[in-house]
Amino acid sequence: MHGGGQILAPGSGERPPRADQVFRIPDAMGWDEAAALNLTYGTAILGLARRAQLQPGESVLVLGAAGGTGSAAVQVAKAMGAYVIGAAGGAEKLAIAERCGADAVVDYREEALSARVKELTGGRGADVVFDPVGGSDFREYLRSTAWNGRYLVVGFAAGEIPTVGLNLILLKSVSITGVAYGASARLDPAENAENFAQLFRWYDDGLLHPVIGQRFALEDGAEALRVVSGRGALGKVIIEIGA
């Protein structure tokens, strides 16, 4: 709620909300930004700060960098002092990644992703790969990691759950880590509260700007779902009640 109200944290949708999953949002944050920040930025900070232990100066490859979670990850990684490479398909999506603060962007429809990432990182590869996409190109994503890299499995927007070849994991000493935000919020509410407090500080500092690509009235909710399921979303899709 704008002006000192509250916002439900993710992880409470399938069961009654708990008090430890409700947070007061900054006075400057509107309803639409609160809706866009909730799940996506919570996932980004859990993955990058808690699971990957991202350090200032490290490099991060964000896949699907123009989507809701990807655009959030670009901003969170920049707020943490990382060098960020945003990967997406097409000029429009690359422009969104750049607006979110990506230091470099790669069109994985036009370029060999791993070769370009290595070029951008002086031959090392990315210290952290943030992957909400999955799909058949997983091996190419994995090749983009640096020695001792951390690969964050966030979701499968491409629709296909990839199979991991353990030889690549061994050859690069890569750690593959799952990022299950809803369960983490329920099982460790104290950490979740700390994460949201940090997100709100970054928001107040002007470091986070939720990307809202499309807005739909409640009666057009079915069309909003079609946009998301068809991977046509740019940033977050918002359904406005009473719009």
C-alpha atoms as a PDB file:
ATOM      1  CA  MET A   1       0.000   0.000   0.000  1.00  0.00           C
ATOM      2  CA  HIS A   2       1.337   3.431  -0.915  1.00  0.00           C
ATOM      3  CA  GLY A   3       2.070   5.839   1.916  1.00  0.00           C
ATOM      4  CA  GLY A   4       3.037   3.523   4.751  1.00  0.00           C
ATOM      5  CA  GLY A   5       0.816   0.525   4.056  1.00  0.00           C
ATOM      6  CA  GLN A   6       1.816  -3.077   3.602  1.00  0.00           C
ATOM      7  CA  ILE A   7       2.674  -5.581   0.906  1.00  0.00           C
ATOM      8  CA  LEU A   8       2.496  -9.350   1.003  1.00  0.00           C
ATOM      9  CA  ALA A   9       5.781 -11.098   0.405  1.00  0.00           C
ATOM     10  CA  PRO A  10       5.945 -14.028  -2.024  1.00  0.00           C
ATOM     11  CA  GLY A  11       5.452 -17.535  -0.773  1.00  0.00           C
ATOM     12  CA  SER A  12       2.079 -16.895   0.833  1.00  0.00           C
ATOM     13  CA  GLY A  13      -0.171 -17.299  -2.201  1.00  0.00           C
ATOM     14  CA  GLU A  14      -0.961 -20.976  -1.726  1.00  0.00           C
ATOM     15  CA  ARG A  15      -1.798 -20.679   1.966  1.00  0.00           C
ATOM     16  CA  PRO A  16      -3.071 -17.952   4.342  1.00  0.00           C
ATOM     17  CA  PRO A  17      -0.528 -15.109   4.687  1.00  0.00           C
ATOM     18  CA  ARG A  18       1.617 -14.992   7.806  1.00  0.00           C
ATOM     19  CA  ALA A  19       2.610 -11.859   9.651  1.00  0.00           C
ATOM     20  CA  ASP A  20       6.291 -12.545   8.982  1.00  0.00           C
ATOM     21  CA  GLN A  21       5.609 -12.397   5.234  1.00  0.00           C
ATOM     22  CA  VAL A  22       4.062  -8.928   5.261  1.00  0.00           C
ATOM     23  CA  PHE A  23       6.230  -5.822   4.862  1.00  0.00           C
ATOM     24  CA  ARG A  24       5.716  -2.084   4.967  1.00  0.00           C
ATOM     25  CA  ILE A  25       6.768  -0.536   1.689  1.00  0.00           C
ATOM     26  CA  PRO A  26       8.545   2.820   1.196  1.00  0.00           C
ATOM     27  CA  ASP A  27       6.294   5.870   1.099  1.00  0.00           C
ATOM     28  CA  ALA A  28       7.425   6.696  -2.433  1.00  0.00           C
ATOM     29  CA  MET A  29       6.516   3.252  -3.821  1.00  0.00           C
ATOM     30  CA  GLY A  30       3.178   2.946  -5.591  1.00  0.00           C
ATOM     31  CA  TRP A  31       0.906  -0.065  -5.908  1.00  0.00           C
ATOM     32  CA  ASP A  32       2.182  -0.944  -9.362  1.00  0.00           C
ATOM     33  CA  GLU A  33       5.842  -0.891  -8.348  1.00  0.00           C
ATOM     34  CA  ALA A  34       5.072  -2.911  -5.215  1.00  0.00           C
ATOM     35  CA  ALA A  35       3.361  -5.559  -7.338  1.00  0.00           C
ATOM     36  CA  ALA A  36       6.313  -5.595  -9.756  1.00  0.00           C
ATOM     37  CA  LEU A  37       8.927  -5.758  -6.984  1.00  0.00           C
ATOM     38  CA  ASN A  38       7.422  -8.450  -4.810  1.00  0.00           C
ATOM     39  CA  LEU A  39       8.425 -11.841  -6.233  1.00  0.00           C
ATOM     40  CA  THR A  40      11.008 -10.816  -8.807  1.00  0.00           C
ATOM     41  CA  TYR A  41      13.375  -8.752  -6.677  1.00  0.00           C
ATOM     42  CA  GLY A  42      12.981 -11.160  -3.783  1.00  0.00           C
ATOM     43  CA  THR A  43      14.157 -13.929  -6.085  1.00  0.00           C
ATOM     44  CA  ALA A  44      17.046 -11.817  -7.399  1.00  0.00           C
ATOM     45  CA  ILE A  45      18.455 -10.875  -4.001  1.00  0.00           C
ATOM     46  CA  LEU A  46      18.036 -14.413  -2.644  1.00  0.00           C
ATOM     47  CA  GLY A  47      19.911 -15.849  -5.600  1.00  0.00           C
ATOM     48  CA  LEU A  48      22.671 -13.298  -5.946  1.00  0.00           C
ATOM     49  CA  ALA A  49      23.324 -12.254  -2.347  1.00  0.00           C
ATOM     50  CA  ARG A  50      22.453 -15.375  -0.379  1.00  0.00           C
ATOM     51  CA  ARG A  51      22.931 -18.335  -2.698  1.00  0.00           C
ATOM     52  CA  ALA A  52      25.763 -17.107  -4.935  1.00  0.00           C
ATOM     53  CA  GLN A  53      27.409 -14.854  -2.314  1.00  0.00           C
ATOM     54  CA  LEU A  54      28.109 -12.324  -5.066  1.00  0.00           C
ATOM     55  CA  GLN A  55      31.015  -9.971  -4.301  1.00  0.00           C
ATOM     56  CA  PRO A  56      31.686  -6.435  -5.605  1.00  0.00           C
ATOM     57  CA  GLY A  57      33.714  -6.528  -8.805  1.00  0.00           C
ATOM     58  CA  GLU A  58      32.574 -10.006  -9.838  1.00  0.00           C
ATOM     59  CA  SER A  59      30.864 -10.583 -13.172  1.00  0.00           C
ATOM     60  CA  VAL A  60      27.266 -11.713 -13.571  1.00  0.00           C
ATOM     61  CA  LEU A  61      25.548 -13.033 -16.685  1.00  0.00           C
ATOM     62  CA  VAL A  62      21.786 -12.510 -16.485  1.00  0.00           C
ATOM     63  CA  LEU A  63      19.749 -14.564 -18.941  1.00  0.00           C
ATOM     64  CA  GLY A  64      16.314 -13.303 -19.962  1.00  0.00           C
ATOM     65  CA  ALA A  65      17.514  -9.882 -18.857  1.00  0.00           C
ATOM     66  CA  ALA A  66      14.425  -8.045 -20.128  1.00  0.00           C
ATOM     67  CA  GLY A  67      11.901 -10.179 -18.252  1.00  0.00           C
ATOM     68  CA  GLY A  68      10.527  -9.477 -14.810  1.00  0.00           C
ATOM     69  CA  THR A  69      13.012 -11.556 -12.849  1.00  0.00           C
ATOM     70  CA  GLY A  70      15.902 -10.919 -15.247  1.00  0.00           C
ATOM     71  CA  SER A  71      15.528  -7.144 -15.182  1.00  0.00           C
ATOM     72  CA  ALA A  72      15.362  -7.296 -11.383  1.00  0.00           C
ATOM     73  CA  ALA A  73      18.548  -9.381 -11.288  1.00  0.00           C
ATOM     74  CA  VAL A  74      20.386  -6.855 -13.468  1.00  0.00           C
ATOM     75  CA  GLN A  75      19.502  -4.056 -11.038  1.00  0.00           C
ATOM     76  CA  VAL A  76      20.256  -6.043  -7.883  1.00  0.00           C
ATOM     77  CA  ALA A  77      23.621  -7.186  -9.262  1.00  0.00           C
ATOM     78  CA  LYS A  78      24.514  -3.579 -10.128  1.00  0.00           C
ATOM     79  CA  ALA A  79      23.452  -2.431  -6.659  1.00  0.00           C
ATOM     80  CA  MET A  80      25.856  -5.038  -5.254  1.00  0.00           C
ATOM     81  CA  GLY A  81      28.756  -3.659  -7.304  1.00  0.00           C
ATOM     82  CA  ALA A  82      28.992  -6.354  -9.991  1.00  0.00           C
ATOM     83  CA  TYR A  83      29.884  -6.122 -13.672  1.00  0.00           C
ATOM     84  CA  VAL A  84      26.650  -7.189 -15.366  1.00  0.00           C
ATOM     85  CA  ILE A  85      26.119  -8.752 -18.780  1.00  0.00           C
ATOM     86  CA  GLY A  86      22.491  -8.875 -19.858  1.00  0.00           C
ATOM     87  CA  ALA A  87      21.493 -11.516 -22.419  1.00  0.00           C
ATOM     88  CA  ALA A  88      18.216 -11.350 -24.311  1.00  0.00           C
ATOM     89  CA  GLY A  89      16.777 -11.819 -27.794  1.00  0.00           C
ATOM     90  CA  GLY A  90      16.200  -8.745 -29.954  1.00  0.00           C
ATOM     91  CA  ALA A  91      16.984  -5.043 -29.849  1.00  0.00           C
ATOM     92  CA  GLU A  92      13.923  -4.069 -27.799  1.00  0.00           C
ATOM     93  CA  LYS A  93      14.790  -6.463 -25.018  1.00  0.00           C
ATOM     94  CA  LEU A  94      18.470  -5.524 -25.062  1.00  0.00           C
ATOM     95  CA  ALA A  95      17.483  -1.869 -24.654  1.00  0.00           C
ATOM     96  CA  ILE A  96      15.548  -2.747 -21.495  1.00  0.00           C
ATOM     97  CA  ALA A  97      18.577  -4.543 -20.065  1.00  0.00           C
ATOM     98  CA  GLU A  98      20.697  -1.483 -20.780  1.00  0.00           C
ATOM     99  CA  ARG A  99      18.170   0.826 -19.109  1.00  0.00           C
ATOM    100  CA  CYS A 100      18.314  -1.429 -16.051  1.00  0.00           C
ATOM    101  CA  GLY A 101      22.053  -0.785 -15.847  1.00  0.00           C
ATOM    102  CA  ALA A 102      23.690  -3.714 -17.659  1.00  0.00           C
ATOM    103  CA  ASP A 103      27.317  -2.904 -18.466  1.00  0.00           C
ATOM    104  CA  ALA A 104      27.126  -4.970 -21.665  1.00  0.00           C
ATOM    105  CA  VAL A 105      24.373  -6.784 -23.547  1.00  0.00           C
ATOM    106  CA  VAL A 106      24.405  -9.850 -25.778  1.00  0.00           C
ATOM    107  CA  ASP A 107      21.750 -10.932 -28.282  1.00  0.00           C
ATOM    108  CA  TYR A 108      21.889 -14.701 -27.966  1.00  0.00           C
ATOM    109  CA  ARG A 109      19.938 -15.041 -31.190  1.00  0.00           C
ATOM    110  CA  GLU A 110      22.718 -13.345 -33.127  1.00  0.00           C
ATOM    111  CA  GLU A 111      25.940 -14.172 -31.235  1.00  0.00           C
ATOM    112  CA  ALA A 112      27.580 -17.197 -29.681  1.00  0.00           C
ATOM    113  CA  LEU A 113      26.839 -16.378 -26.058  1.00  0.00           C
ATOM    114  CA  SER A 114      29.747 -18.130 -24.348  1.00  0.00           C
ATOM    115  CA  ALA A 115      32.319 -16.672 -26.756  1.00  0.00           C
ATOM    116  CA  ARG A 116      30.975 -13.146 -26.281  1.00  0.00           C
ATOM    117  CA  VAL A 117      30.815 -13.482 -22.489  1.00  0.00           C
ATOM    118  CA  LYS A 118      34.419 -14.664 -22.379  1.00  0.00           C
ATOM    119  CA  GLU A 119      35.427 -11.748 -24.590  1.00  0.00           C
ATOM    120  CA  LEU A 120      33.696  -9.309 -22.249  1.00  0.00           C
ATOM    121  CA  THR A 121      35.338 -10.852 -19.167  1.00  0.00           C
ATOM    122  CA  GLY A 122      38.903 -11.083 -20.425  1.00  0.00           C
ATOM    123  CA  GLY A 123      38.598 -14.767 -21.230  1.00  0.00           C
ATOM    124  CA  ARG A 124      37.413 -15.811 -17.756  1.00  0.00           C
ATOM    125  CA  GLY A 125      33.681 -16.197 -18.177  1.00  0.00           C
ATOM    126  CA  ALA A 126      31.023 -15.053 -15.737  1.00  0.00           C
ATOM    127  CA  ASP A 127      31.516 -15.644 -12.012  1.00  0.00           C
ATOM    128  CA  VAL A 128      27.748 -16.002 -11.615  1.00  0.00           C
ATOM    129  CA  VAL A 129      25.098 -17.016 -14.148  1.00  0.00           C
ATOM    130  CA  PHE A 130      21.512 -16.103 -13.238  1.00  0.00           C
ATOM    131  CA  ASP A 131      19.210 -18.353 -15.286  1.00  0.00           C
ATOM    132  CA  PRO A 132      15.413 -17.972 -15.225  1.00  0.00           C
ATOM    133  CA  VAL A 133      15.215 -19.373 -18.774  1.00  0.00           C
ATOM    134  CA  GLY A 134      16.461 -22.981 -18.959  1.00  0.00           C
ATOM    135  CA  GLY A 135      15.697 -24.631 -22.271  1.00  0.00           C
ATOM    136  CA  SER A 136      17.752 -26.351 -24.917  1.00  0.00           C
ATOM    137  CA  ASP A 137      20.610 -23.816 -24.856  1.00  0.00           C
ATOM    138  CA  PHE A 138      21.606 -24.748 -21.303  1.00  0.00           C
ATOM    139  CA  ARG A 139      25.006 -26.131 -22.305  1.00  0.00           C
ATOM    140  CA  GLU A 140      25.889 -22.852 -24.004  1.00  0.00           C
ATOM    141  CA  TYR A 141      24.917 -20.973 -20.849  1.00  0.00           C
ATOM    142  CA  LEU A 142      27.028 -23.316 -18.755  1.00  0.00           C
ATOM    143  CA  ARG A 143      30.026 -22.777 -21.027  1.00  0.00           C
ATOM    144  CA  SER A 144      29.774 -19.080 -20.163  1.00  0.00           C
ATOM    145  CA  THR A 145      30.817 -19.660 -16.552  1.00  0.00           C
ATOM    146  CA  ALA A 146      34.243 -18.921 -15.121  1.00  0.00           C
ATOM    147  CA  TRP A 147      36.405 -21.357 -13.166  1.00  0.00           C
ATOM    148  CA  ASN A 148      34.693 -21.891  -9.797  1.00  0.00           C
ATOM    149  CA  GLY A 149      31.610 -20.201 -11.244  1.00  0.00           C
ATOM    150  CA  ARG A 150      28.185 -20.335  -9.607  1.00  0.00           C
ATOM    151  CA  TYR A 151      25.197 -21.216 -11.762  1.00  0.00           C
ATOM    152  CA  LEU A 152      21.823 -20.176 -10.347  1.00  0.00           C
ATOM    153  CA  VAL A 153      18.822 -22.206 -11.496  1.00  0.00           C
ATOM    154  CA  VAL A 154      15.911 -19.809 -11.128  1.00  0.00           C
ATOM    155  CA  GLY A 155      13.232 -21.056 -13.536  1.00  0.00           C
ATOM    156  CA  PHE A 156      12.346 -22.495 -16.911  1.00  0.00           C
ATOM    157  CA  ALA A 157      10.710 -19.723 -18.924  1.00  0.00           C
ATOM    158  CA  ALA A 158      11.739 -21.475 -22.147  1.00  0.00           C
ATOM    159  CA  GLY A 159       9.432 -24.331 -21.179  1.00  0.00           C
ATOM    160  CA  GLU A 160      12.031 -27.087 -21.290  1.00  0.00           C
ATOM    161  CA  ILE A 161      13.836 -28.393 -18.202  1.00  0.00           C
ATOM    162  CA  PRO A 162      17.417 -29.060 -19.317  1.00  0.00           C
ATOM    163  CA  THR A 163      19.529 -32.092 -18.508  1.00  0.00           C
ATOM    164  CA  VAL A 164      22.867 -31.369 -16.859  1.00  0.00           C
ATOM    165  CA  GLY A 165      26.076 -32.857 -18.283  1.00  0.00           C
ATOM    166  CA  LEU A 166      28.236 -33.394 -15.211  1.00  0.00           C
ATOM    167  CA  ASN A 167      31.418 -33.318 -17.293  1.00  0.00           C
ATOM    168  CA  LEU A 168      31.076 -29.541 -17.741  1.00  0.00           C
ATOM    169  CA  ILE A 169      30.482 -29.125 -14.024  1.00  0.00           C
ATOM    170  CA  LEU A 170      33.658 -31.028 -13.243  1.00  0.00           C
ATOM    171  CA  LEU A 171      35.863 -29.365 -15.855  1.00  0.00           C
ATOM    172  CA  LYS A 172      35.132 -25.861 -14.570  1.00  0.00           C
ATOM    173  CA  SER A 173      34.542 -26.674 -10.907  1.00  0.00           C
ATOM    174  CA  VAL A 174      31.105 -25.073 -11.259  1.00  0.00           C
ATOM    175  CA  SER A 175      28.523 -25.015  -8.479  1.00  0.00           C
ATOM    176  CA  ILE A 176      24.884 -25.365  -9.594  1.00  0.00           C
ATOM    177  CA  THR A 177      22.503 -23.890  -7.046  1.00  0.00           C
ATOM    178  CA  GLY A 178      18.710 -23.813  -6.952  1.00  0.00           C
ATOM    179  CA  VAL A 179      16.892 -20.594  -6.054  1.00  0.00           C
ATOM    180  CA  ALA A 180      13.460 -21.489  -4.617  1.00  0.00           C
ATOM    181  CA  TYR A 181      12.172 -18.181  -3.345  1.00  0.00           C
ATOM    182  CA  GLY A 182       8.722 -19.121  -2.074  1.00  0.00           C
ATOM    183  CA  ALA A 183      10.017 -21.970   0.067  1.00  0.00           C
ATOM    184  CA  SER A 184      12.936 -19.871   1.318  1.00  0.00           C
ATOM    185  CA  ALA A 185      10.590 -17.084   2.418  1.00  0.00           C
ATOM    186  CA  ARG A 186       8.516 -19.529   4.438  1.00  0.00           C
ATOM    187  CA  LEU A 187      11.384 -21.536   5.910  1.00  0.00           C
ATOM    188  CA  ASP A 188      13.641 -18.592   6.785  1.00  0.00           C
ATOM    189  CA  PRO A 189      11.399 -15.572   7.406  1.00  0.00           C
ATOM    190  CA  ALA A 190      14.135 -13.654   9.232  1.00  0.00           C
ATOM    191  CA  GLU A 191      16.443 -13.789   6.227  1.00  0.00           C
ATOM    192  CA  ASN A 192      13.558 -12.869   3.941  1.00  0.00           C
ATOM    193  CA  ALA A 193      12.812  -9.816   6.085  1.00  0.00           C
ATOM    194  CA  GLU A 194      16.458  -8.752   5.882  1.00  0.00           C
ATOM    195  CA  ASN A 195      16.371  -9.158   2.110  1.00  0.00           C
ATOM    196  CA  PHE A 196      13.298  -6.954   1.770  1.00  0.00           C
ATOM    197  CA  ALA A 197      14.766  -4.327   4.084  1.00  0.00           C
ATOM    198  CA  GLN A 198      17.806  -4.143   1.796  1.00  0.00           C
ATOM    199  CA  LEU A 199      15.647  -3.990  -1.318  1.00  0.00           C
ATOM    200  CA  PHE A 200      13.672  -1.108   0.121  1.00  0.00           C
ATOM    201  CA  ARG A 201      16.897   0.752   1.008  1.00  0.00           C
ATOM    202  CA  TRP A 202      18.151   0.303  -2.550  1.00  0.00           C
ATOM    203  CA  TYR A 203      14.794   1.514  -3.849  1.00  0.00           C
ATOM    204  CA  ASP A 204      14.957   4.637  -1.679  1.00  0.00           C
ATOM    205  CA  ASP A 205      18.506   5.214  -2.947  1.00  0.00           C
ATOM    206  CA  GLY A 206      17.236   5.155  -6.527  1.00  0.00           C
ATOM    207  CA  LEU A 207      19.030   1.915  -7.442  1.00  0.00           C
ATOM    208  CA  LEU A 208      15.937  -0.171  -8.176  1.00  0.00           C
ATOM    209  CA  HIS A 209      13.323   0.721 -10.790  1.00  0.00           C
ATOM    210  CA  PRO A 210      10.796  -2.067 -11.420  1.00  0.00           C
ATOM    211  CA  VAL A 211      10.174  -2.443 -15.148  1.00  0.00           C
ATOM    212  CA  ILE A 212       6.465  -2.519 -15.963  1.00  0.00           C
ATOM    213  CA  GLY A 213       6.052  -3.411 -19.597  1.00  0.00           C
ATOM    214  CA  GLN A 214       2.320  -3.980 -19.926  1.00  0.00           C
ATOM    215  CA  ARG A 215      -0.772  -3.165 -17.910  1.00  0.00           C
ATOM    216  CA  PHE A 216      -4.131  -4.909 -18.181  1.00  0.00           C
ATOM    217  CA  ALA A 217      -7.528  -4.286 -16.629  1.00  0.00           C
ATOM    218  CA  LEU A 218      -8.874  -7.112 -14.475  1.00  0.00           C
ATOM    219  CA  GLU A 219     -11.355  -8.187 -17.136  1.00  0.00           C
ATOM    220  CA  ASP A 220      -8.446  -8.625 -19.563  1.00  0.00           C
ATOM    221  CA  GLY A 221      -6.565 -10.933 -17.210  1.00  0.00           C
ATOM    222  CA  ALA A 222      -6.718 -13.854 -19.648  1.00  0.00           C
ATOM    223  CA  GLU A 223      -4.851 -11.816 -22.244  1.00  0.00           C
ATOM    224  CA  ALA A 224      -2.229 -10.894 -19.636  1.00  0.00           C
ATOM    225  CA  LEU A 225      -1.659 -14.602 -18.962  1.00  0.00           C
ATOM    226  CA  ARG A 226      -1.310 -15.271 -22.690  1.00  0.00           C
ATOM    227  CA  VAL A 227       1.380 -12.586 -22.946  1.00  0.00           C
ATOM    228  CA  VAL A 228       3.338 -14.125 -20.072  1.00  0.00           C
ATOM    229  CA  SER A 229       2.959 -17.730 -21.236  1.00  0.00           C
ATOM    230  CA  GLY A 230       3.981 -16.717 -24.759  1.00  0.00           C
ATOM    231  CA  ARG A 231       7.172 -15.069 -23.443  1.00  0.00           C
ATOM    232  CA  GLY A 232       6.000 -11.707 -24.751  1.00  0.00           C
ATOM    233  CA  ALA A 233       6.411  -9.892 -21.444  1.00  0.00           C
ATOM    234  CA  LEU A 234       8.832  -6.998 -21.204  1.00  0.00           C
ATOM    235  CA  GLY A 235       9.552  -6.551 -17.526  1.00  0.00           C
ATOM    236  CA  LYS A 236       6.499  -7.248 -15.383  1.00  0.00           C
ATOM    237  CA  VAL A 237       2.896  -7.565 -16.557  1.00  0.00           C
ATOM    238  CA  ILE A 238       0.520  -5.788 -14.180  1.00  0.00           C
ATOM    239  CA  ILE A 239      -3.211  -6.376 -13.751  1.00  0.00           C
ATOM    240  CA  GLU A 240      -4.892  -3.242 -12.413  1.00  0.00           C
ATOM    241  CA  ILE A 241      -8.024  -3.748 -10.342  1.00  0.00           C
ATOM    242  CA  GLY A 242     -10.483  -0.958 -10.848  1.00  0.00           C
ATOM    243  CA  ALA A 243      -8.426   0.564 -13.661  1.00  0.00           C
END
